[in-house]
PDB file of all heavy atoms in Angstrom:
ATOM      1  N   VAL A   1     -11.610 -23.615  -1.394  1.00  0.00           N
ATOM      2  CA  VAL A   1     -11.124 -23.457  -0.032  1.00  0.00           C
ATOM      3  C   VAL A   1     -12.027 -22.468   0.687  1.00  0.00           C
ATOM      4  O   VAL A   1     -12.344 -21.405   0.171  1.00  0.00           O
ATOM      5  CB  VAL A   1      -9.664 -22.955  -0.015  1.00  0.00           C
ATOM      6  CG1 VAL A   1      -9.254 -22.577   1.392  1.00  0.00           C
ATOM      7  CG2 VAL A   1      -8.731 -24.022  -0.555  1.00  0.00           C
ATOM      8  N   SER A   2     -12.443 -22.827   1.891  1.00  0.00           N
ATOM      9  CA  SER A   2     -13.284 -21.926   2.674  1.00  0.00           C
ATOM     10  C   SER A   2     -12.526 -20.640   2.958  1.00  0.00           C
ATOM     11  O   SER A   2     -11.322 -20.643   3.171  1.00  0.00           O
ATOM     12  CB  SER A   2     -13.678 -22.604   3.984  1.00  0.00           C
ATOM     13  OG  SER A   2     -14.461 -21.750   4.768  1.00  0.00           O
ATOM     14  N   SER A   3     -13.238 -19.516   2.963  1.00  0.00           N
ATOM     15  CA  SER A   3     -12.589 -18.227   3.213  1.00  0.00           C
ATOM     16  C   SER A   3     -12.069 -18.166   4.640  1.00  0.00           C
ATOM     17  O   SER A   3     -12.518 -18.894   5.536  1.00  0.00           O
ATOM     18  CB  SER A   3     -13.573 -17.085   2.966  1.00  0.00           C
ATOM     19  OG  SER A   3     -14.547 -17.042   3.996  1.00  0.00           O
ATOM     20  N   THR A   4     -11.109 -17.281   4.860  1.00  0.00           N
ATOM     21  CA  THR A   4     -10.543 -17.094   6.193  1.00  0.00           C
ATOM     22  C   THR A   4     -11.630 -16.722   7.194  1.00  0.00           C
ATOM     23  O   THR A   4     -11.699 -17.269   8.296  1.00  0.00           O
ATOM     24  CB  THR A   4      -9.467 -16.000   6.156  1.00  0.00           C
ATOM     25  OG1 THR A   4      -8.442 -16.374   5.224  1.00  0.00           O
ATOM     26  CG2 THR A   4      -8.840 -15.782   7.526  1.00  0.00           C
ATOM     27  N   ALA A   5     -12.506 -15.774   6.804  1.00  0.00           N
ATOM     28  CA  ALA A   5     -13.555 -15.321   7.711  1.00  0.00           C
ATOM     29  C   ALA A   5     -14.515 -16.455   8.067  1.00  0.00           C
ATOM     30  O   ALA A   5     -14.873 -16.639   9.236  1.00  0.00           O
ATOM     31  CB  ALA A   5     -14.314 -14.158   7.081  1.00  0.00           C
ATOM     32  N   ALA A   6     -14.938 -17.223   7.066  1.00  0.00           N
ATOM     33  CA  ALA A   6     -15.875 -18.311   7.321  1.00  0.00           C
ATOM     34  C   ALA A   6     -15.254 -19.378   8.216  1.00  0.00           C
ATOM     35  O   ALA A   6     -15.920 -19.937   9.096  1.00  0.00           O
ATOM     36  CB  ALA A   6     -16.342 -18.930   6.002  1.00  0.00           C
ATOM     37  N   GLN A   7     -13.969 -19.661   8.028  1.00  0.00           N
ATOM     38  CA  GLN A   7     -13.311 -20.663   8.865  1.00  0.00           C
ATOM     39  C   GLN A   7     -13.207 -20.202  10.314  1.00  0.00           C
ATOM     40  O   GLN A   7     -13.428 -20.988  11.246  1.00  0.00           O
ATOM     41  CB  GLN A   7     -11.915 -20.965   8.313  1.00  0.00           C
ATOM     42  CG  GLN A   7     -11.919 -21.749   7.014  1.00  0.00           C
ATOM     43  CD  GLN A   7     -10.519 -22.086   6.560  1.00  0.00           C
ATOM     44  OE1 GLN A   7      -9.850 -22.935   7.152  1.00  0.00           O
ATOM     45  NE2 GLN A   7     -10.049 -21.431   5.529  1.00  0.00           N
ATOM     46  N   LEU A   8     -12.859 -18.941  10.522  1.00  0.00           N
ATOM     47  CA  LEU A   8     -12.781 -18.413  11.888  1.00  0.00           C
ATOM     48  C   LEU A   8     -14.147 -18.445  12.562  1.00  0.00           C
ATOM     49  O   LEU A   8     -14.275 -18.787  13.739  1.00  0.00           O
ATOM     50  CB  LEU A   8     -12.233 -16.979  11.873  1.00  0.00           C
ATOM     51  CG  LEU A   8     -10.745 -16.818  11.583  1.00  0.00           C
ATOM     52  CD1 LEU A   8     -10.397 -15.343  11.418  1.00  0.00           C
ATOM     53  CD2 LEU A   8      -9.903 -17.426  12.695  1.00  0.00           C
ATOM     54  N   HIS A   9     -15.185 -18.067  11.801  1.00  0.00           N
ATOM     55  CA  HIS A   9     -16.535 -18.044  12.352  1.00  0.00           C
ATOM     56  C   HIS A   9     -17.008 -19.456  12.685  1.00  0.00           C
ATOM     57  O   HIS A   9     -17.569 -19.714  13.758  1.00  0.00           O
ATOM     58  CB  HIS A   9     -17.471 -17.392  11.335  1.00  0.00           C
ATOM     59  CG  HIS A   9     -18.814 -17.029  11.887  1.00  0.00           C
ATOM     60  ND1 HIS A   9     -18.984 -16.279  13.026  1.00  0.00           N
ATOM     61  CD2 HIS A   9     -20.065 -17.309  11.444  1.00  0.00           C
ATOM     62  CE1 HIS A   9     -20.281 -16.112  13.263  1.00  0.00           C
ATOM     63  NE2 HIS A   9     -20.951 -16.741  12.319  1.00  0.00           N
ATOM     64  N   ARG A  10     -16.753 -20.378  11.776  1.00  0.00           N
ATOM     65  CA  ARG A  10     -17.123 -21.774  12.005  1.00  0.00           C
ATOM     66  C   ARG A  10     -16.336 -22.348  13.170  1.00  0.00           C
ATOM     67  O   ARG A  10     -16.812 -23.235  13.891  1.00  0.00           O
ATOM     68  CB  ARG A  10     -16.865 -22.575  10.720  1.00  0.00           C
ATOM     69  CG  ARG A  10     -17.406 -23.991  10.752  1.00  0.00           C
ATOM     70  CD  ARG A  10     -17.160 -24.703   9.427  1.00  0.00           C
ATOM     71  NE  ARG A  10     -18.106 -24.288   8.387  1.00  0.00           N
ATOM     72  CZ  ARG A  10     -17.793 -23.561   7.321  1.00  0.00           C
ATOM     73  NH1 ARG A  10     -16.531 -23.157   7.155  1.00  0.00           N
ATOM     74  NH2 ARG A  10     -18.693 -23.230   6.429  1.00  0.00           N
ATOM     75  N   GLY A  11     -15.118 -21.833  13.380  1.00  0.00           N
ATOM     76  CA  GLY A  11     -14.263 -22.321  14.459  1.00  0.00           C
ATOM     77  C   GLY A  11     -14.589 -21.749  15.820  1.00  0.00           C
ATOM     78  O   GLY A  11     -13.922 -22.088  16.800  1.00  0.00           O
ATOM     79  N   GLY A  12     -15.583 -20.852  15.912  1.00  0.00           N
ATOM     80  CA  GLY A  12     -16.027 -20.406  17.225  1.00  0.00           C
ATOM     81  C   GLY A  12     -15.930 -18.923  17.494  1.00  0.00           C
ATOM     82  O   GLY A  12     -16.311 -18.482  18.580  1.00  0.00           O
ATOM     83  N   VAL A  13     -15.418 -18.113  16.564  1.00  0.00           N
ATOM     84  CA  VAL A  13     -15.351 -16.668  16.775  1.00  0.00           C
ATOM     85  C   VAL A  13     -16.723 -16.072  16.462  1.00  0.00           C
ATOM     86  O   VAL A  13     -17.250 -16.255  15.361  1.00  0.00           O
ATOM     87  CB  VAL A  13     -14.266 -16.015  15.898  1.00  0.00           C
ATOM     88  CG1 VAL A  13     -14.193 -14.516  16.165  1.00  0.00           C
ATOM     89  CG2 VAL A  13     -12.911 -16.661  16.156  1.00  0.00           C
ATOM     90  N   ALA A  14     -17.311 -15.358  17.412  1.00  0.00           N
ATOM     91  CA  ALA A  14     -18.707 -14.900  17.273  1.00  0.00           C
ATOM     92  C   ALA A  14     -18.878 -13.843  16.195  1.00  0.00           C
ATOM     93  O   ALA A  14     -19.865 -13.849  15.457  1.00  0.00           O
ATOM     94  CB  ALA A  14     -19.215 -14.366  18.612  1.00  0.00           C
ATOM     95  N   GLN A  15     -17.935 -12.909  16.096  1.00  0.00           N
ATOM     96  CA  GLN A  15     -18.067 -11.811  15.129  1.00  0.00           C
ATOM     97  C   GLN A  15     -16.759 -11.629  14.370  1.00  0.00           C
ATOM     98  O   GLN A  15     -15.674 -11.666  14.962  1.00  0.00           O
ATOM     99  CB  GLN A  15     -18.441 -10.503  15.819  1.00  0.00           C
ATOM    100  CG  GLN A  15     -19.847 -10.479  16.390  1.00  0.00           C
ATOM    101  CD  GLN A  15     -20.243  -9.105  16.900  1.00  0.00           C
ATOM    102  OE1 GLN A  15     -19.405  -8.311  17.333  1.00  0.00           O
ATOM    103  NE2 GLN A  15     -21.533  -8.797  16.855  1.00  0.00           N
ATOM    104  N   ILE A  16     -16.876 -11.409  13.067  1.00  0.00           N
ATOM    105  CA  ILE A  16     -15.705 -11.192  12.205  1.00  0.00           C
ATOM    106  C   ILE A  16     -16.030 -10.113  11.203  1.00  0.00           C
ATOM    107  O   ILE A  16     -17.128 -10.070  10.634  1.00  0.00           O
ATOM    108  CB  ILE A  16     -15.310 -12.489  11.458  1.00  0.00           C
ATOM    109  CG1 ILE A  16     -14.881 -13.574  12.449  1.00  0.00           C
ATOM    110  CG2 ILE A  16     -14.170 -12.237  10.488  1.00  0.00           C
ATOM    111  CD1 ILE A  16     -15.154 -14.949  11.989  1.00  0.00           C
ATOM    112  N   VAL A  17     -15.078  -9.230  10.976  1.00  0.00           N
ATOM    113  CA  VAL A  17     -15.155  -8.224   9.919  1.00  0.00           C
ATOM    114  C   VAL A  17     -14.017  -8.512   8.948  1.00  0.00           C
ATOM    115  O   VAL A  17     -12.885  -8.767   9.375  1.00  0.00           O
ATOM    116  CB  VAL A  17     -15.035  -6.796  10.483  1.00  0.00           C
ATOM    117  CG1 VAL A  17     -15.039  -5.771   9.359  1.00  0.00           C
ATOM    118  CG2 VAL A  17     -16.170  -6.507  11.468  1.00  0.00           C
ATOM    119  N   ALA A  18     -14.310  -8.516   7.649  1.00  0.00           N
ATOM    120  CA  ALA A  18     -13.298  -8.889   6.666  1.00  0.00           C
ATOM    121  C   ALA A  18     -13.593  -8.207   5.338  1.00  0.00           C
ATOM    122  O   ALA A  18     -14.653  -7.607   5.148  1.00  0.00           O
ATOM    123  CB  ALA A  18     -13.267 -10.409   6.485  1.00  0.00           C
ATOM    124  N   HIS A  19     -12.633  -8.311   4.415  1.00  0.00           N
ATOM    125  CA  HIS A  19     -12.771  -7.743   3.076  1.00  0.00           C
ATOM    126  C   HIS A  19     -12.819  -8.860   2.038  1.00  0.00           C
ATOM    127  O   HIS A  19     -12.131  -9.872   2.155  1.00  0.00           O
ATOM    128  CB  HIS A  19     -11.580  -6.832   2.732  1.00  0.00           C
ATOM    129  CG  HIS A  19     -11.472  -5.602   3.572  1.00  0.00           C
ATOM    130  ND1 HIS A  19     -12.168  -4.456   3.314  1.00  0.00           N
ATOM    131  CD2 HIS A  19     -10.734  -5.352   4.681  1.00  0.00           C
ATOM    132  CE1 HIS A  19     -11.862  -3.537   4.214  1.00  0.00           C
ATOM    133  NE2 HIS A  19     -11.004  -4.057   5.053  1.00  0.00           N
ATOM    134  N   PHE A  20     -13.627  -8.642   0.989  1.00  0.00           N
ATOM    135  CA  PHE A  20     -13.496  -9.426  -0.230  1.00  0.00           C
ATOM    136  C   PHE A  20     -12.245  -8.927  -0.965  1.00  0.00           C
ATOM    137  O   PHE A  20     -11.979  -7.730  -1.006  1.00  0.00           O
ATOM    138  CB  PHE A  20     -14.681  -9.184  -1.161  1.00  0.00           C
ATOM    139  CG  PHE A  20     -15.909  -9.994  -0.852  1.00  0.00           C
ATOM    140  CD1 PHE A  20     -17.105  -9.364  -0.567  1.00  0.00           C
ATOM    141  CD2 PHE A  20     -15.880 -11.368  -0.870  1.00  0.00           C
ATOM    142  CE1 PHE A  20     -18.251 -10.088  -0.303  1.00  0.00           C
ATOM    143  CE2 PHE A  20     -17.018 -12.117  -0.609  1.00  0.00           C
ATOM    144  CZ  PHE A  20     -18.203 -11.474  -0.326  1.00  0.00           C
ATOM    145  N   GLY A  21     -11.505  -9.838  -1.570  1.00  0.00           N
ATOM    146  CA  GLY A  21     -10.453  -9.446  -2.507  1.00  0.00           C
ATOM    147  C   GLY A  21      -9.446  -8.460  -1.953  1.00  0.00           C
ATOM    148  O   GLY A  21      -9.282  -8.311  -0.745  1.00  0.00           O
ATOM    149  N   PRO A  22      -8.739  -7.737  -2.840  1.00  0.00           N
ATOM    150  CA  PRO A  22      -7.742  -6.763  -2.407  1.00  0.00           C
ATOM    151  C   PRO A  22      -8.387  -5.495  -1.865  1.00  0.00           C
ATOM    152  O   PRO A  22      -9.512  -5.144  -2.220  1.00  0.00           O
ATOM    153  CB  PRO A  22      -6.953  -6.459  -3.698  1.00  0.00           C
ATOM    154  CG  PRO A  22      -7.338  -7.533  -4.658  1.00  0.00           C
ATOM    155  CD  PRO A  22      -8.726  -7.935  -4.289  1.00  0.00           C
ATOM    156  N   VAL A  23      -7.637  -4.784  -1.015  1.00  0.00           N
ATOM    157  CA  VAL A  23      -8.089  -3.491  -0.493  1.00  0.00           C
ATOM    158  C   VAL A  23      -6.865  -2.605  -0.341  1.00  0.00           C
ATOM    159  O   VAL A  23      -5.791  -3.061   0.051  1.00  0.00           O
ATOM    160  CB  VAL A  23      -8.818  -3.654   0.863  1.00  0.00           C
ATOM    161  CG1 VAL A  23      -7.931  -4.310   1.903  1.00  0.00           C
ATOM    162  CG2 VAL A  23      -9.342  -2.314   1.361  1.00  0.00           C
ATOM    163  N   TYR A  24      -7.009  -1.338  -0.695  1.00  0.00           N
ATOM    164  CA  TYR A  24      -5.900  -0.405  -0.546  1.00  0.00           C
ATOM    165  C   TYR A  24      -5.571  -0.200   0.924  1.00  0.00           C
ATOM    166  O   TYR A  24      -6.452  -0.204   1.790  1.00  0.00           O
ATOM    167  CB  TYR A  24      -6.246   0.936  -1.183  1.00  0.00           C
ATOM    168  CG  TYR A  24      -6.083   0.959  -2.684  1.00  0.00           C
ATOM    169  CD1 TYR A  24      -7.188   0.923  -3.527  1.00  0.00           C
ATOM    170  CD2 TYR A  24      -4.814   1.016  -3.247  1.00  0.00           C
ATOM    171  CE1 TYR A  24      -7.032   0.928  -4.897  1.00  0.00           C
ATOM    172  CE2 TYR A  24      -4.654   1.028  -4.631  1.00  0.00           C
ATOM    173  CZ  TYR A  24      -5.763   0.980  -5.451  1.00  0.00           C
ATOM    174  OH  TYR A  24      -5.612   0.987  -6.805  1.00  0.00           O
ATOM    175  N   ASP A  25      -4.279   0.011   1.204  1.00  0.00           N
ATOM    176  CA  ASP A  25      -3.802   0.165   2.567  1.00  0.00           C
ATOM    177  C   ASP A  25      -4.512   1.319   3.281  1.00  0.00           C
ATOM    178  O   ASP A  25      -5.094   1.146   4.356  1.00  0.00           O
ATOM    179  CB  ASP A  25      -2.293   0.399   2.532  1.00  0.00           C
ATOM    180  CG  ASP A  25      -1.658   0.317   3.915  1.00  0.00           C
ATOM    181  OD1 ASP A  25      -2.264  -0.268   4.835  1.00  0.00           O
ATOM    182  OD2 ASP A  25      -0.557   0.860   4.080  1.00  0.00           O
ATOM    183  N   ALA A  26      -4.470   2.510   2.691  1.00  0.00           N
ATOM    184  CA  ALA A  26      -5.070   3.679   3.342  1.00  0.00           C
ATOM    185  C   ALA A  26      -6.591   3.558   3.426  1.00  0.00           C
ATOM    186  O   ALA A  26      -7.208   4.013   4.392  1.00  0.00           O
ATOM    187  CB  ALA A  26      -4.675   4.961   2.597  1.00  0.00           C
ATOM    188  N   LEU A  27      -7.220   2.956   2.422  1.00  0.00           N
ATOM    189  CA  LEU A  27      -8.667   2.780   2.441  1.00  0.00           C
ATOM    190  C   LEU A  27      -9.068   1.840   3.570  1.00  0.00           C
ATOM    191  O   LEU A  27     -10.065   2.065   4.269  1.00  0.00           O
ATOM    192  CB  LEU A  27      -9.143   2.238   1.093  1.00  0.00           C
ATOM    193  CG  LEU A  27     -10.657   2.172   0.857  1.00  0.00           C
ATOM    194  CD1 LEU A  27     -11.291   3.535   1.060  1.00  0.00           C
ATOM    195  CD2 LEU A  27     -10.951   1.661  -0.538  1.00  0.00           C
ATOM    196  N   SER A  28      -8.285   0.792   3.771  1.00  0.00           N
ATOM    197  CA  SER A  28      -8.537  -0.113   4.888  1.00  0.00           C
ATOM    198  C   SER A  28      -8.379   0.618   6.217  1.00  0.00           C
ATOM    199  O   SER A  28      -9.187   0.446   7.135  1.00  0.00           O
ATOM    200  CB  SER A  28      -7.568  -1.305   4.828  1.00  0.00           C
ATOM    201  OG  SER A  28      -7.715  -2.137   5.954  1.00  0.00           O
ATOM    202  N   THR A  29      -7.345   1.441   6.317  1.00  0.00           N
ATOM    203  CA  THR A  29      -7.124   2.187   7.558  1.00  0.00           C
ATOM    204  C   THR A  29      -8.262   3.155   7.829  1.00  0.00           C
ATOM    205  O   THR A  29      -8.686   3.327   8.983  1.00  0.00           O
ATOM    206  CB  THR A  29      -5.783   2.948   7.488  1.00  0.00           C
ATOM    207  OG1 THR A  29      -4.721   1.998   7.280  1.00  0.00           O
ATOM    208  CG2 THR A  29      -5.519   3.712   8.770  1.00  0.00           C
ATOM    209  N   ASN A  30      -8.786   3.800   6.791  1.00  0.00           N
ATOM    210  CA  ASN A  30      -9.939   4.695   6.973  1.00  0.00           C
ATOM    211  C   ASN A  30     -11.127   3.941   7.549  1.00  0.00           C
ATOM    212  O   ASN A  30     -11.830   4.428   8.441  1.00  0.00           O
ATOM    213  CB  ASN A  30     -10.330   5.329   5.634  1.00  0.00           C
ATOM    214  CG  ASN A  30      -9.303   6.315   5.124  1.00  0.00           C
ATOM    215  OD1 ASN A  30      -8.417   6.752   5.867  1.00  0.00           O
ATOM    216  ND2 ASN A  30      -9.391   6.666   3.860  1.00  0.00           N
ATOM    217  N   ALA A  31     -11.371   2.738   7.023  1.00  0.00           N
ATOM    218  CA  ALA A  31     -12.490   1.935   7.510  1.00  0.00           C
ATOM    219  C   ALA A  31     -12.272   1.517   8.955  1.00  0.00           C
ATOM    220  O   ALA A  31     -13.199   1.576   9.783  1.00  0.00           O
ATOM    221  CB  ALA A  31     -12.664   0.698   6.622  1.00  0.00           C
ATOM    222  N   GLU A  32     -11.046   1.099   9.290  1.00  0.00           N
ATOM    223  CA  GLU A  32     -10.753   0.683  10.655  1.00  0.00           C
ATOM    224  C   GLU A  32     -10.961   1.833  11.640  1.00  0.00           C
ATOM    225  O   GLU A  32     -11.527   1.653  12.723  1.00  0.00           O
ATOM    226  CB  GLU A  32      -9.305   0.203  10.747  1.00  0.00           C
ATOM    227  CG  GLU A  32      -8.989  -1.025   9.923  1.00  0.00           C
ATOM    228  CD  GLU A  32      -7.504  -1.151   9.669  1.00  0.00           C
ATOM    229  OE1 GLU A  32      -6.728  -0.929  10.630  1.00  0.00           O
ATOM    230  OE2 GLU A  32      -7.111  -1.443   8.527  1.00  0.00           O
ATOM    231  N   THR A  33     -10.494   3.025  11.257  1.00  0.00           N
ATOM    232  CA  THR A  33     -10.625   4.184  12.135  1.00  0.00           C
ATOM    233  C   THR A  33     -12.092   4.494  12.407  1.00  0.00           C
ATOM    234  O   THR A  33     -12.500   4.711  13.554  1.00  0.00           O
ATOM    235  CB  THR A  33      -9.926   5.404  11.514  1.00  0.00           C
ATOM    236  OG1 THR A  33      -8.545   5.087  11.249  1.00  0.00           O
ATOM    237  CG2 THR A  33      -9.989   6.601  12.442  1.00  0.00           C
ATOM    238  N   ALA A  34     -12.903   4.508  11.347  1.00  0.00           N
ATOM    239  CA  ALA A  34     -14.337   4.767  11.520  1.00  0.00           C
ATOM    240  C   ALA A  34     -14.983   3.674  12.364  1.00  0.00           C
ATOM    241  O   ALA A  34     -15.850   3.954  13.206  1.00  0.00           O
ATOM    242  CB  ALA A  34     -15.019   4.850  10.148  1.00  0.00           C
ATOM    243  N   PHE A  35     -14.569   2.440  12.156  1.00  0.00           N
ATOM    244  CA  PHE A  35     -15.129   1.308  12.899  1.00  0.00           C
ATOM    245  C   PHE A  35     -14.858   1.452  14.386  1.00  0.00           C
ATOM    246  O   PHE A  35     -15.777   1.374  15.217  1.00  0.00           O
ATOM    247  CB  PHE A  35     -14.524   0.006  12.359  1.00  0.00           C
ATOM    248  CG  PHE A  35     -14.986  -1.227  13.073  1.00  0.00           C
ATOM    249  CD1 PHE A  35     -16.111  -1.910  12.640  1.00  0.00           C
ATOM    250  CD2 PHE A  35     -14.297  -1.714  14.184  1.00  0.00           C
ATOM    251  CE1 PHE A  35     -16.542  -3.053  13.295  1.00  0.00           C
ATOM    252  CE2 PHE A  35     -14.733  -2.850  14.848  1.00  0.00           C
ATOM    253  CZ  PHE A  35     -15.854  -3.520  14.401  1.00  0.00           C
ATOM    254  N   TYR A  36     -13.602   1.663  14.753  1.00  0.00           N
ATOM    255  CA  TYR A  36     -13.253   1.680  16.173  1.00  0.00           C
ATOM    256  C   TYR A  36     -13.730   2.944  16.881  1.00  0.00           C
ATOM    257  O   TYR A  36     -13.897   2.935  18.107  1.00  0.00           O
ATOM    258  CB  TYR A  36     -11.753   1.463  16.346  1.00  0.00           C
ATOM    259  CG  TYR A  36     -11.349   0.033  16.079  1.00  0.00           C
ATOM    260  CD1 TYR A  36     -10.523  -0.297  15.007  1.00  0.00           C
ATOM    261  CD2 TYR A  36     -11.824  -1.001  16.887  1.00  0.00           C
ATOM    262  CE1 TYR A  36     -10.176  -1.618  14.751  1.00  0.00           C
ATOM    263  CE2 TYR A  36     -11.481  -2.319  16.637  1.00  0.00           C
ATOM    264  CZ  TYR A  36     -10.652  -2.625  15.573  1.00  0.00           C
ATOM    265  OH  TYR A  36     -10.321  -3.934  15.323  1.00  0.00           O
ATOM    266  N   ARG A  37     -13.965   3.993  16.148  1.00  0.00           N
ATOM    267  CA  ARG A  37     -14.586   5.163  16.783  1.00  0.00           C
ATOM    268  C   ARG A  37     -15.969   4.818  17.313  1.00  0.00           C
ATOM    269  O   ARG A  37     -16.365   5.260  18.396  1.00  0.00           O
ATOM    270  CB  ARG A  37     -14.688   6.309  15.772  1.00  0.00           C
ATOM    271  CG  ARG A  37     -13.390   7.080  15.544  1.00  0.00           C
ATOM    272  CD  ARG A  37     -13.600   8.126  14.475  1.00  0.00           C
ATOM    273  NE  ARG A  37     -12.369   8.850  14.187  1.00  0.00           N
ATOM    274  CZ  ARG A  37     -12.154   9.545  13.071  1.00  0.00           C
ATOM    275  NH1 ARG A  37     -13.102   9.585  12.137  1.00  0.00           N
ATOM    276  NH2 ARG A  37     -11.028  10.183  12.884  1.00  0.00           N
TER     277      ARG A  37
END
């Protein structure tokens, strides 16, 4: 099955940020905070 990110990108979304596999809740939040800054 095509990954969620690849399907969205193929479907017309220009940019996508995603994770492989599982990610810890707080670790994901740390990444999001740094990203949006």
